[in-house]
N, C-alpha and C. Protein backbone atom coordinates (compact mmCIF):
# COMPACT_ATOMS: atom_id res chain seq x y z
N MET A 1 -56.11 -64.73 29.56
CA MET A 1 -54.28 -64.60 29.96
C MET A 1 -53.88 -66.30 30.81
N ARG A 2 -55.04 -66.50 31.38
CA ARG A 2 -54.72 -67.78 31.77
C ARG A 2 -53.85 -69.36 31.14
N THR A 3 -54.72 -68.66 29.73
CA THR A 3 -54.71 -69.86 28.86
C THR A 3 -52.94 -69.89 27.98
N ALA A 4 -52.47 -70.73 27.45
CA ALA A 4 -51.17 -71.36 27.25
C ALA A 4 -51.51 -70.81 26.41
N ARG A 5 -52.27 -71.20 25.49
CA ARG A 5 -52.39 -70.77 24.32
C ARG A 5 -52.36 -69.38 23.46
N PHE A 6 -52.65 -68.24 24.43
CA PHE A 6 -52.73 -66.76 24.74
C PHE A 6 -51.32 -66.49 24.45
N TRP A 7 -50.60 -66.94 25.88
CA TRP A 7 -49.08 -66.65 25.91
C TRP A 7 -47.95 -67.25 24.16
N LEU A 8 -48.46 -68.07 23.92
CA LEU A 8 -48.01 -68.74 22.97
C LEU A 8 -48.60 -67.93 21.29
N LEU A 9 -49.64 -67.16 21.51
CA LEU A 9 -49.99 -66.50 20.62
C LEU A 9 -48.88 -65.04 20.54
N ALA A 10 -49.27 -64.57 22.25
CA ALA A 10 -48.34 -63.20 22.02
C ALA A 10 -46.95 -63.10 21.65
N PHE A 11 -45.85 -64.56 21.87
CA PHE A 11 -44.94 -64.29 21.43
C PHE A 11 -45.01 -65.01 20.89
N ALA A 12 -45.80 -65.25 19.76
CA ALA A 12 -45.72 -65.65 18.47
C ALA A 12 -45.10 -64.93 17.40
N PHE A 13 -46.39 -63.55 18.00
CA PHE A 13 -46.57 -62.31 17.42
C PHE A 13 -45.02 -61.14 17.80
N PHE A 14 -45.40 -61.64 18.76
CA PHE A 14 -43.52 -60.62 18.98
C PHE A 14 -42.74 -61.08 18.10
N CYS A 15 -42.21 -62.03 18.16
CA CYS A 15 -41.04 -62.67 17.27
C CYS A 15 -41.21 -62.55 16.37
N LEU A 16 -42.46 -62.61 15.09
CA LEU A 16 -42.65 -62.51 14.12
C LEU A 16 -43.17 -60.88 13.77
N SER A 17 -43.31 -59.41 14.70
CA SER A 17 -43.20 -58.58 14.17
C SER A 17 -42.12 -57.95 14.09
N PHE A 18 -41.26 -58.10 15.59
CA PHE A 18 -39.46 -57.95 15.79
C PHE A 18 -39.26 -58.31 14.22
N ALA A 19 -39.00 -59.76 13.62
CA ALA A 19 -38.36 -59.60 12.04
C ALA A 19 -39.38 -58.58 11.10
N TYR A 20 -40.19 -58.89 11.34
CA TYR A 20 -40.70 -58.31 10.62
C TYR A 20 -40.73 -57.10 10.16
N GLN A 21 -41.37 -55.76 11.51
CA GLN A 21 -40.86 -54.48 11.21
C GLN A 21 -39.19 -53.40 11.50
N GLY A 22 -38.18 -55.21 11.66
CA GLY A 22 -36.73 -54.77 12.09
C GLY A 22 -36.00 -55.14 10.28
N VAL A 23 -36.83 -55.65 9.98
CA VAL A 23 -36.29 -55.64 8.28
C VAL A 23 -36.92 -54.67 7.53
N LEU A 24 -37.88 -53.97 7.43
CA LEU A 24 -38.81 -53.00 7.21
C LEU A 24 -37.92 -51.84 7.31
N LEU A 25 -37.73 -51.65 8.77
CA LEU A 25 -37.43 -50.56 8.60
C LEU A 25 -35.68 -50.62 8.32
N HIS A 26 -35.15 -51.31 8.01
CA HIS A 26 -33.53 -51.10 7.69
C HIS A 26 -33.41 -51.61 6.30
N ALA A 27 -34.75 -52.22 5.39
CA ALA A 27 -34.02 -52.74 4.07
C ALA A 27 -33.72 -51.87 3.31
N VAL A 28 -33.25 -50.64 3.48
CA VAL A 28 -33.21 -49.39 2.44
C VAL A 28 -31.55 -49.69 3.33
N SER A 29 -31.50 -49.08 3.79
CA SER A 29 -30.09 -48.89 4.19
C SER A 29 -29.39 -49.83 3.79
N ALA A 30 -30.02 -51.48 3.57
CA ALA A 30 -28.92 -52.51 3.56
C ALA A 30 -28.88 -53.06 2.20
N MET A 31 -29.96 -52.09 1.83
CA MET A 31 -29.68 -51.68 0.18
C MET A 31 -28.49 -50.47 -0.13
N VAL A 32 -27.98 -50.15 0.70
CA VAL A 32 -27.60 -49.29 -0.16
C VAL A 32 -26.71 -49.38 0.54
N ASP A 33 -25.71 -50.06 1.02
CA ASP A 33 -25.01 -50.22 2.47
C ASP A 33 -23.57 -51.59 1.17
N GLN A 34 -24.87 -51.68 0.77
CA GLN A 34 -24.25 -53.19 0.06
C GLN A 34 -23.93 -52.16 -1.51
N GLY A 35 -23.89 -51.29 -2.63
CA GLY A 35 -24.03 -51.01 -2.94
C GLY A 35 -24.95 -49.70 -4.03
N LEU A 36 -26.73 -50.49 -3.94
CA LEU A 36 -27.96 -50.08 -4.14
C LEU A 36 -27.95 -48.78 -3.89
N LYS A 37 -28.51 -47.84 -4.86
CA LYS A 37 -28.54 -45.96 -5.02
C LYS A 37 -29.15 -46.31 -4.19
N LYS A 38 -30.38 -45.36 -3.55
CA LYS A 38 -30.91 -44.65 -2.34
C LYS A 38 -31.30 -44.64 -2.81
N ASP A 39 -32.05 -44.27 -4.47
CA ASP A 39 -33.74 -43.56 -5.03
C ASP A 39 -33.67 -45.23 -5.92
N THR A 40 -32.45 -45.96 -5.88
CA THR A 40 -32.83 -47.28 -6.28
C THR A 40 -33.25 -48.60 -5.41
N ALA A 41 -33.10 -48.03 -4.48
CA ALA A 41 -33.22 -49.00 -3.04
C ALA A 41 -35.44 -48.64 -2.37
N ALA A 42 -34.63 -47.36 -2.90
CA ALA A 42 -35.98 -46.53 -2.99
C ALA A 42 -37.44 -47.27 -3.51
N TYR A 43 -36.96 -47.23 -4.58
CA TYR A 43 -37.90 -48.84 -5.81
C TYR A 43 -38.36 -49.47 -5.79
N PHE A 44 -37.43 -51.02 -5.03
CA PHE A 44 -37.77 -51.52 -4.56
C PHE A 44 -38.10 -52.10 -3.50
N PHE A 45 -38.21 -51.11 -2.32
CA PHE A 45 -39.33 -51.26 -1.30
C PHE A 45 -40.36 -50.48 -1.34
N GLY A 46 -40.30 -49.28 -2.95
CA GLY A 46 -42.03 -49.43 -3.32
C GLY A 46 -42.82 -50.62 -3.75
N ILE A 47 -42.25 -51.52 -4.18
CA ILE A 47 -42.42 -52.96 -5.12
C ILE A 47 -42.70 -53.48 -3.54
N LEU A 48 -42.28 -53.41 -2.84
CA LEU A 48 -42.41 -54.30 -1.51
C LEU A 48 -43.22 -54.18 -1.17
N GLY A 49 -44.24 -52.97 -1.15
CA GLY A 49 -45.42 -52.67 0.20
C GLY A 49 -46.28 -52.32 -1.64
N ILE A 50 -46.15 -52.26 -2.64
CA ILE A 50 -47.19 -53.47 -3.33
C ILE A 50 -47.23 -54.82 -3.16
N ALA A 51 -47.05 -55.58 -3.09
CA ALA A 51 -46.24 -57.39 -3.58
C ALA A 51 -47.78 -57.43 -1.52
N GLY A 52 -47.10 -56.15 -0.53
CA GLY A 52 -47.67 -57.35 0.75
C GLY A 52 -48.76 -57.34 1.00
N SER A 53 -49.53 -56.40 -0.49
CA SER A 53 -50.82 -56.04 -1.15
C SER A 53 -51.29 -57.03 -0.88
N ALA A 54 -51.18 -58.12 -2.40
CA ALA A 54 -51.07 -59.51 -3.06
C ALA A 54 -50.89 -60.21 -1.67
N GLY A 55 -49.46 -60.03 -1.30
CA GLY A 55 -49.42 -61.03 -0.50
C GLY A 55 -50.61 -60.89 1.30
N LYS A 56 -51.78 -59.67 0.93
CA LYS A 56 -52.61 -59.64 2.19
C LYS A 56 -53.75 -60.76 1.79
N ILE A 57 -54.19 -60.70 0.26
CA ILE A 57 -54.80 -61.48 -0.18
C ILE A 57 -55.34 -63.29 -0.65
N LEU A 58 -54.02 -62.73 -0.98
CA LEU A 58 -53.38 -64.87 -1.01
C LEU A 58 -52.94 -65.52 -0.05
N PHE A 59 -52.71 -65.57 0.85
CA PHE A 59 -52.59 -65.89 2.31
C PHE A 59 -54.10 -65.82 3.16
N GLY A 60 -54.42 -64.74 3.12
CA GLY A 60 -55.49 -64.78 3.15
C GLY A 60 -56.77 -65.75 3.05
N TYR A 61 -56.94 -65.88 1.34
CA TYR A 61 -57.59 -66.80 1.10
C TYR A 61 -56.44 -68.35 1.25
N LEU A 62 -55.66 -68.97 1.26
CA LEU A 62 -55.41 -70.35 1.02
C LEU A 62 -55.82 -70.60 2.26
N SER A 63 -55.12 -69.04 4.05
CA SER A 63 -55.55 -70.08 5.33
C SER A 63 -56.92 -70.57 5.40
N ASP A 64 -57.72 -70.04 4.05
CA ASP A 64 -59.07 -70.46 4.50
C ASP A 64 -59.50 -71.84 3.81
N LEU A 65 -58.41 -72.50 2.83
CA LEU A 65 -58.51 -73.26 2.40
C LEU A 65 -57.32 -74.28 2.92
N TYR A 66 -56.16 -74.40 3.62
CA TYR A 66 -55.57 -75.15 3.51
C TYR A 66 -54.79 -74.99 5.26
N GLY A 67 -55.84 -73.46 6.09
CA GLY A 67 -55.62 -74.17 7.39
C GLY A 67 -54.66 -73.22 7.31
N ARG A 68 -54.58 -72.56 9.23
CA ARG A 68 -53.74 -71.32 9.38
C ARG A 68 -51.99 -71.53 9.51
N GLU A 69 -51.64 -72.56 10.77
CA GLU A 69 -50.40 -73.12 11.16
C GLU A 69 -49.84 -73.62 9.38
N ARG A 70 -50.36 -74.49 8.76
CA ARG A 70 -49.10 -74.26 7.46
C ARG A 70 -49.67 -72.86 6.18
N ILE A 71 -50.16 -72.09 5.95
CA ILE A 71 -50.19 -70.89 5.69
C ILE A 71 -49.85 -70.09 6.21
N HIS A 72 -49.08 -70.31 7.24
CA HIS A 72 -48.72 -69.43 8.03
C HIS A 72 -47.15 -69.34 7.93
N THR A 73 -46.65 -70.71 8.27
CA THR A 73 -45.19 -71.40 8.04
C THR A 73 -45.38 -70.78 6.48
N LEU A 74 -45.73 -71.12 5.52
CA LEU A 74 -45.49 -70.81 3.94
C LEU A 74 -45.60 -69.31 3.87
N GLY A 75 -45.91 -68.65 4.50
CA GLY A 75 -45.45 -67.28 4.18
C GLY A 75 -44.81 -67.07 4.87
N VAL A 76 -43.97 -67.63 6.44
CA VAL A 76 -42.85 -67.03 6.85
C VAL A 76 -41.18 -66.98 6.08
N ALA A 77 -42.40 -68.55 5.16
CA ALA A 77 -40.61 -69.14 4.27
C ALA A 77 -40.13 -68.55 3.07
N VAL A 78 -41.34 -67.72 2.96
CA VAL A 78 -41.32 -67.39 1.30
C VAL A 78 -40.88 -65.38 2.17
N ALA A 79 -40.96 -65.03 3.04
CA ALA A 79 -40.35 -64.03 3.37
C ALA A 79 -39.05 -64.22 3.89
N ALA A 80 -38.67 -65.37 5.03
CA ALA A 80 -37.31 -65.74 5.01
C ALA A 80 -36.21 -65.95 3.69
N VAL A 81 -37.10 -66.54 2.54
CA VAL A 81 -36.16 -66.27 0.80
C VAL A 81 -35.53 -64.64 0.99
N GLY A 82 -37.08 -63.75 1.02
CA GLY A 82 -36.96 -62.60 0.45
C GLY A 82 -35.71 -61.77 1.29
N ILE A 83 -35.90 -62.07 2.90
CA ILE A 83 -34.50 -61.83 3.47
C ILE A 83 -33.45 -61.96 3.16
N PHE A 84 -32.50 -63.87 2.99
CA PHE A 84 -31.83 -63.86 2.59
C PHE A 84 -31.69 -63.77 1.16
N SER A 85 -32.33 -62.99 0.19
CA SER A 85 -32.25 -62.14 -1.79
C SER A 85 -31.62 -60.53 -0.82
N LEU A 86 -32.19 -59.89 0.65
CA LEU A 86 -31.47 -58.86 1.03
C LEU A 86 -30.26 -58.89 1.63
N MET A 87 -29.85 -60.64 1.72
CA MET A 87 -28.40 -60.35 2.62
C MET A 87 -27.25 -60.07 1.48
N HIS A 88 -27.73 -60.96 0.24
CA HIS A 88 -26.69 -60.78 -0.68
C HIS A 88 -26.58 -59.61 -1.81
N VAL A 89 -27.93 -59.49 -2.09
CA VAL A 89 -28.25 -57.70 -2.17
C VAL A 89 -26.74 -57.94 -3.60
N GLY A 90 -25.84 -57.33 -3.26
CA GLY A 90 -24.46 -57.09 -3.63
C GLY A 90 -23.39 -57.74 -4.15
N TYR A 91 -24.71 -59.58 -4.99
CA TYR A 91 -23.82 -60.06 -5.39
C TYR A 91 -24.38 -60.27 -6.49
N ALA A 92 -25.91 -60.02 -6.58
CA ALA A 92 -26.76 -59.91 -7.82
C ALA A 92 -27.61 -58.88 -7.58
N PRO A 93 -26.52 -57.84 -8.42
CA PRO A 93 -27.99 -56.32 -7.98
C PRO A 93 -28.96 -56.25 -8.94
N ALA A 94 -29.50 -56.73 -9.75
CA ALA A 94 -30.32 -56.05 -11.09
C ALA A 94 -31.47 -56.79 -10.55
N LEU A 95 -30.76 -58.39 -9.59
CA LEU A 95 -32.48 -59.31 -10.06
C LEU A 95 -32.22 -59.90 -7.90
N LEU A 96 -31.63 -60.52 -7.10
CA LEU A 96 -31.89 -59.74 -5.84
C LEU A 96 -32.23 -59.15 -4.80
N PRO A 97 -31.84 -57.66 -4.70
CA PRO A 97 -33.62 -56.42 -4.23
C PRO A 97 -34.50 -56.65 -5.36
N LEU A 98 -35.09 -57.25 -6.72
CA LEU A 98 -36.42 -57.56 -7.40
C LEU A 98 -36.51 -58.65 -5.84
N LEU A 99 -36.38 -60.03 -5.93
CA LEU A 99 -36.60 -61.09 -5.56
C LEU A 99 -36.57 -60.57 -3.55
N PHE A 100 -35.65 -60.05 -2.83
CA PHE A 100 -36.52 -59.41 -1.81
C PHE A 100 -38.18 -58.67 -1.75
N ALA A 101 -38.59 -57.95 -2.44
CA ALA A 101 -39.32 -57.17 -2.83
C ALA A 101 -39.96 -57.79 -3.22
N ILE A 102 -40.57 -58.94 -4.07
CA ILE A 102 -41.24 -59.75 -4.26
C ILE A 102 -41.92 -60.91 -2.98
N LEU A 103 -40.43 -61.42 -2.78
CA LEU A 103 -40.44 -62.70 -1.18
C LEU A 103 -41.07 -62.56 -0.37
N PHE A 104 -40.32 -61.10 0.08
CA PHE A 104 -40.84 -61.27 1.51
C PHE A 104 -41.96 -60.19 1.61
N GLY A 105 -42.25 -58.63 0.31
CA GLY A 105 -43.35 -58.29 0.59
C GLY A 105 -44.46 -59.09 0.57
N LEU A 106 -44.70 -60.42 -0.54
CA LEU A 106 -45.67 -61.03 0.01
C LEU A 106 -45.42 -62.27 1.15
N GLY A 107 -44.41 -62.80 1.75
CA GLY A 107 -44.46 -62.85 3.01
C GLY A 107 -45.43 -62.03 3.92
N TYR A 108 -44.81 -60.67 4.47
CA TYR A 108 -45.37 -59.69 5.10
C TYR A 108 -46.30 -59.89 5.64
N GLY A 109 -46.86 -59.45 4.14
CA GLY A 109 -47.37 -59.09 3.53
C GLY A 109 -49.21 -59.81 4.02
N ALA A 110 -49.01 -61.65 4.63
CA ALA A 110 -49.73 -63.26 4.37
C ALA A 110 -49.52 -63.47 6.58
N ALA A 111 -48.70 -61.15 6.82
CA ALA A 111 -49.48 -61.37 8.68
C ALA A 111 -50.22 -60.14 8.92
N ALA A 112 -51.30 -59.48 7.95
CA ALA A 112 -51.86 -58.74 7.97
C ALA A 112 -53.54 -59.85 8.14
N PRO A 113 -53.81 -61.11 7.28
CA PRO A 113 -54.74 -61.70 7.18
C PRO A 113 -54.70 -62.66 8.35
N LEU A 114 -53.66 -63.72 8.53
CA LEU A 114 -53.42 -64.69 9.10
C LEU A 114 -53.64 -64.07 10.92
N LEU A 115 -53.25 -62.81 11.58
CA LEU A 115 -52.66 -63.40 12.57
C LEU A 115 -53.87 -62.85 13.11
N PRO A 116 -55.13 -62.33 12.99
CA PRO A 116 -56.35 -62.23 13.14
C PRO A 116 -57.42 -63.38 13.70
N SER A 117 -56.92 -64.18 12.32
CA SER A 117 -57.11 -65.27 11.99
C SER A 117 -57.00 -66.31 12.80
N LEU A 118 -55.89 -65.95 13.18
CA LEU A 118 -55.31 -67.36 14.50
C LEU A 118 -56.22 -67.24 15.70
N SER A 119 -55.53 -65.83 16.00
CA SER A 119 -56.40 -65.63 17.45
C SER A 119 -58.32 -65.91 17.63
N ALA A 120 -59.11 -65.93 16.19
CA ALA A 120 -59.88 -65.65 15.81
C ALA A 120 -60.93 -67.10 16.52
N ASP A 121 -59.11 -67.82 16.04
CA ASP A 121 -59.65 -69.74 15.35
C ASP A 121 -59.67 -69.78 17.46
N ILE A 122 -58.80 -70.00 17.52
CA ILE A 122 -59.15 -69.94 19.61
C ILE A 122 -59.92 -69.18 20.20
N PHE A 123 -59.68 -67.84 20.00
CA PHE A 123 -60.41 -67.29 21.10
C PHE A 123 -61.96 -66.19 20.46
N GLN A 124 -62.97 -67.56 20.60
CA GLN A 124 -64.05 -67.11 19.88
C GLN A 124 -65.18 -66.54 20.42
N GLY A 125 -65.70 -65.66 20.44
CA GLY A 125 -66.76 -64.56 20.94
C GLY A 125 -66.95 -63.67 21.43
N SER A 126 -67.61 -62.85 22.52
CA SER A 126 -68.15 -61.47 22.62
C SER A 126 -66.30 -61.02 23.29
N SER A 127 -65.87 -61.52 23.52
CA SER A 127 -64.79 -60.73 24.73
C SER A 127 -63.33 -60.91 23.44
N PHE A 128 -63.41 -62.00 22.55
CA PHE A 128 -62.38 -61.11 20.96
C PHE A 128 -62.11 -59.94 20.80
N GLY A 129 -62.19 -59.18 20.83
CA GLY A 129 -61.62 -57.76 20.74
C GLY A 129 -61.12 -57.44 21.13
N LEU A 130 -61.55 -57.40 23.15
CA LEU A 130 -60.13 -57.24 23.73
C LEU A 130 -58.76 -58.09 24.41
N ILE A 131 -59.67 -59.91 24.10
CA ILE A 131 -57.96 -60.43 23.63
C ILE A 131 -57.23 -60.50 22.64
N PHE A 132 -58.06 -59.96 21.48
CA PHE A 132 -56.47 -59.92 20.51
C PHE A 132 -55.93 -58.76 20.29
N ALA A 133 -57.30 -57.74 21.14
CA ALA A 133 -55.84 -55.71 21.18
C ALA A 133 -54.64 -56.43 22.64
N MET A 134 -55.62 -57.78 23.52
CA MET A 134 -53.92 -57.57 24.40
C MET A 134 -52.39 -58.62 23.79
N ILE A 135 -53.60 -59.43 23.25
CA ILE A 135 -51.94 -60.31 22.02
C ILE A 135 -51.24 -59.22 21.82
N ALA A 136 -52.49 -58.74 20.51
CA ALA A 136 -51.15 -57.60 19.42
C ALA A 136 -50.14 -56.96 20.12
N ILE A 137 -50.19 -56.38 21.99
CA ILE A 137 -50.25 -55.75 22.10
C ILE A 137 -48.50 -56.36 22.34
N GLY A 138 -47.49 -57.78 22.14
CA GLY A 138 -46.76 -58.46 21.77
C GLY A 138 -46.37 -57.62 20.64
N GLY A 139 -46.81 -57.91 19.47
CA GLY A 139 -46.41 -57.42 18.43
C GLY A 139 -45.52 -56.04 18.75
N GLY A 140 -46.84 -55.45 19.02
CA GLY A 140 -46.87 -54.19 19.27
C GLY A 140 -44.83 -53.64 19.85
N ALA A 141 -44.85 -54.28 20.65
CA ALA A 141 -43.58 -54.45 21.37
C ALA A 141 -42.21 -55.06 20.26
N GLY A 142 -42.74 -56.18 19.78
CA GLY A 142 -41.83 -56.76 18.91
C GLY A 142 -41.30 -56.28 17.64
N GLY A 143 -42.36 -54.89 17.18
CA GLY A 143 -41.81 -54.67 15.61
C GLY A 143 -41.25 -53.41 16.23
N ALA A 144 -41.77 -52.83 17.91
CA ALA A 144 -40.10 -51.75 18.51
C ALA A 144 -38.88 -52.68 18.80
N ALA A 145 -39.07 -53.77 19.71
CA ALA A 145 -38.01 -54.62 19.75
C ALA A 145 -36.93 -54.82 18.74
N GLY A 146 -37.73 -55.32 17.49
CA GLY A 146 -36.89 -55.86 16.07
C GLY A 146 -36.47 -54.56 15.96
N SER A 147 -36.32 -52.66 15.77
CA SER A 147 -36.16 -52.02 14.78
C SER A 147 -34.94 -51.74 16.33
N PHE A 148 -34.89 -51.82 16.90
CA PHE A 148 -34.19 -51.14 18.06
C PHE A 148 -33.20 -51.48 17.67
N MET A 149 -33.53 -53.29 17.66
CA MET A 149 -31.79 -54.51 17.88
C MET A 149 -30.88 -53.64 16.72
N ALA A 150 -31.76 -53.77 15.38
CA ALA A 150 -31.75 -53.93 14.23
C ALA A 150 -30.40 -53.35 13.92
N GLY A 151 -30.40 -51.99 14.93
CA GLY A 151 -29.69 -51.05 14.41
C GLY A 151 -28.48 -50.83 15.80
N LEU A 152 -28.55 -51.71 16.30
CA LEU A 152 -28.07 -51.18 17.70
C LEU A 152 -26.88 -53.01 17.25
N LEU A 153 -27.01 -53.48 16.75
CA LEU A 153 -26.68 -54.63 16.28
C LEU A 153 -25.82 -54.06 14.50
N TYR A 154 -26.89 -54.00 14.23
CA TYR A 154 -25.64 -53.14 13.18
C TYR A 154 -24.10 -52.13 13.30
N ASP A 155 -24.84 -51.25 14.61
CA ASP A 155 -23.50 -49.81 15.33
C ASP A 155 -22.10 -51.09 15.58
N LEU A 156 -22.89 -51.87 16.10
CA LEU A 156 -21.49 -52.69 16.71
C LEU A 156 -21.24 -53.47 15.71
N SER A 157 -21.92 -54.81 14.79
CA SER A 157 -20.52 -55.22 14.00
C SER A 157 -21.10 -54.77 12.44
N GLN A 158 -21.08 -53.42 12.19
CA GLN A 158 -21.11 -53.14 11.31
C GLN A 158 -21.52 -53.75 9.94
N THR A 159 -22.26 -54.65 10.02
CA THR A 159 -23.22 -54.95 9.01
C THR A 159 -24.24 -55.40 9.73
N TYR A 160 -25.18 -55.85 8.02
CA TYR A 160 -26.73 -56.41 8.84
C TYR A 160 -27.12 -57.62 9.10
N ALA A 161 -26.05 -58.24 8.38
CA ALA A 161 -25.65 -60.44 8.35
C ALA A 161 -26.73 -60.21 10.24
N VAL A 162 -25.92 -59.68 10.62
CA VAL A 162 -25.90 -59.75 12.36
C VAL A 162 -27.59 -60.56 12.38
N PRO A 163 -27.99 -58.90 12.22
CA PRO A 163 -29.53 -58.73 12.72
C PRO A 163 -30.22 -59.77 11.57
N PHE A 164 -29.76 -59.61 10.22
CA PHE A 164 -31.31 -60.85 9.30
C PHE A 164 -30.93 -61.93 10.32
N LEU A 165 -29.91 -62.56 10.28
CA LEU A 165 -29.61 -64.16 10.99
C LEU A 165 -30.76 -64.36 12.62
N VAL A 166 -30.81 -63.07 13.58
CA VAL A 166 -31.47 -63.03 14.61
C VAL A 166 -32.57 -63.10 13.98
N PHE A 167 -32.80 -62.50 13.04
CA PHE A 167 -35.10 -62.00 12.60
C PHE A 167 -35.11 -63.40 11.78
N LEU A 168 -34.63 -64.12 11.71
CA LEU A 168 -34.46 -64.95 10.40
C LEU A 168 -34.58 -66.47 11.22
N SER A 169 -33.59 -65.98 12.76
CA SER A 169 -34.49 -67.54 13.14
C SER A 169 -35.76 -66.67 14.48
N SER A 170 -35.75 -65.82 14.89
CA SER A 170 -37.30 -64.91 15.51
C SER A 170 -38.54 -65.09 14.41
N LEU A 171 -38.21 -65.60 13.52
CA LEU A 171 -40.01 -66.42 11.81
C LEU A 171 -40.14 -67.58 13.15
N VAL A 172 -38.79 -68.67 12.80
CA VAL A 172 -39.19 -69.92 12.43
C VAL A 172 -39.33 -69.84 14.49
N VAL A 173 -38.87 -69.37 15.40
CA VAL A 173 -39.79 -69.14 16.45
C VAL A 173 -41.15 -68.92 16.20
N SER A 174 -41.57 -67.70 15.87
CA SER A 174 -43.00 -67.29 15.25
C SER A 174 -44.04 -68.92 15.06
N CYS A 175 -43.33 -69.45 13.31
CA CYS A 175 -43.87 -70.66 13.13
C CYS A 175 -43.92 -71.59 14.05
N LEU A 176 -42.52 -71.63 15.72
CA LEU A 176 -43.03 -73.80 16.29
C LEU A 176 -44.57 -72.50 17.43
N LEU A 177 -44.56 -71.71 17.90
CA LEU A 177 -44.74 -71.52 18.75
C LEU A 177 -46.50 -71.18 18.18
N ILE A 178 -46.71 -71.29 17.09
CA ILE A 178 -48.45 -71.00 15.86
C ILE A 178 -48.76 -72.71 15.94
N TRP A 179 -47.76 -72.89 15.49
CA TRP A 179 -47.86 -74.63 15.89
C TRP A 179 -48.06 -75.62 17.63
N MET A 180 -47.87 -74.67 18.02
CA MET A 180 -47.09 -74.74 19.56
C MET A 180 -49.10 -74.82 20.29
N ALA A 181 -49.73 -73.20 19.49
CA ALA A 181 -51.03 -73.11 19.63
C ALA A 181 -51.85 -74.36 19.76
N ALA A 182 -52.15 -74.93 18.20
CA ALA A 182 -52.51 -75.23 17.23
C ALA A 182 -54.10 -74.42 17.15
N PRO A 183 -53.90 -73.44 16.95
CA PRO A 183 -56.01 -73.13 16.49
C PRO A 183 -56.71 -74.20 15.35
N SER A 184 -55.87 -75.32 14.57
CA SER A 184 -57.08 -75.71 14.11
C SER A 184 -58.00 -77.07 14.59
N LYS A 185 -57.29 -77.17 16.10
CA LYS A 185 -57.32 -78.11 16.96
C LYS A 185 -58.78 -77.89 17.76
N VAL A 186 -58.65 -76.27 17.35
CA VAL A 186 -59.31 -75.96 18.14
C VAL A 186 -61.29 -75.50 17.40
N ARG A 187 -60.58 -75.32 16.10
CA ARG A 187 -61.76 -75.20 15.41
C ARG A 187 -61.15 -75.32 14.11
N LYS A 188 -61.94 -76.22 13.42
CA LYS A 188 -61.97 -76.87 12.13
C LYS A 188 -62.55 -76.20 11.29
N LEU A 189 -61.89 -75.68 9.77
CA LEU A 189 -62.41 -74.26 8.71
C LEU A 189 -63.51 -76.14 7.89
N VAL A 190 -64.35 -74.91 7.73
CA VAL A 190 -65.16 -75.73 6.55
C VAL A 190 -64.89 -75.52 5.66
N ARG A 191 -64.79 -76.05 4.41
CA ARG A 191 -63.55 -75.98 3.48
C ARG A 191 -65.24 -76.48 1.64
N VAL A 192 -65.57 -75.51 1.15
CA VAL A 192 -66.72 -75.30 0.94
C VAL A 192 -66.64 -76.71 -0.28
C-alpha cells in the first residue's frame, strides 16, 4: 500500500468498474427509453452476456501476446464504441442494440482476465492474494458508485446521455492509470 502502483491500480479498477457496472445495470432501461420493447432489450442484454464470455477468452489470450496495457486499452475502446452505440439505439433500433451488445460485451469481458493479470505482473509473490483483494476493493466501490450515480444523474437529467458520457470519461481515466502503473516495465512477458 506504500507504492504508487498499488493506488494507480486500485483507482483504475474503481474507474473501470464504475463505468462497466453502471452501464450493465442501466442498459435495458436505456434501450427501453429509446423505444425498444422490454423483451427485445432483454434479448440484446443476453447477447451481451455471451459476447462477454468470448471477450474473456479473446482479450486474455491477446494480453499474453501483446501486453496488458495495450490490450486493456483495446478492450476499453471496444466497450466505448459499444456504449456510444447504446447512447444512439433509437436512431437504428435494428443495428445499434446488436452492436452495443457485441462490442460492450467483448470489451467488458476483457476486465475479467486482465485485472488479475495486471496486478500479478506487478505484485508477484506469496502475498499476491491479499494485495489483489485490497486492490479489488476499489473495483467493488466503483461498481456500487457507478450504478448509483447513473440512476441519480438520470433522475436529474431525464436522459442516460449524461451518465454514459461520465462512464466514457471514466474508461479513459482507467486506461491512463493502467499505463501509469506500467506492469510491462515490472514483468516482461515471454513470447513463445
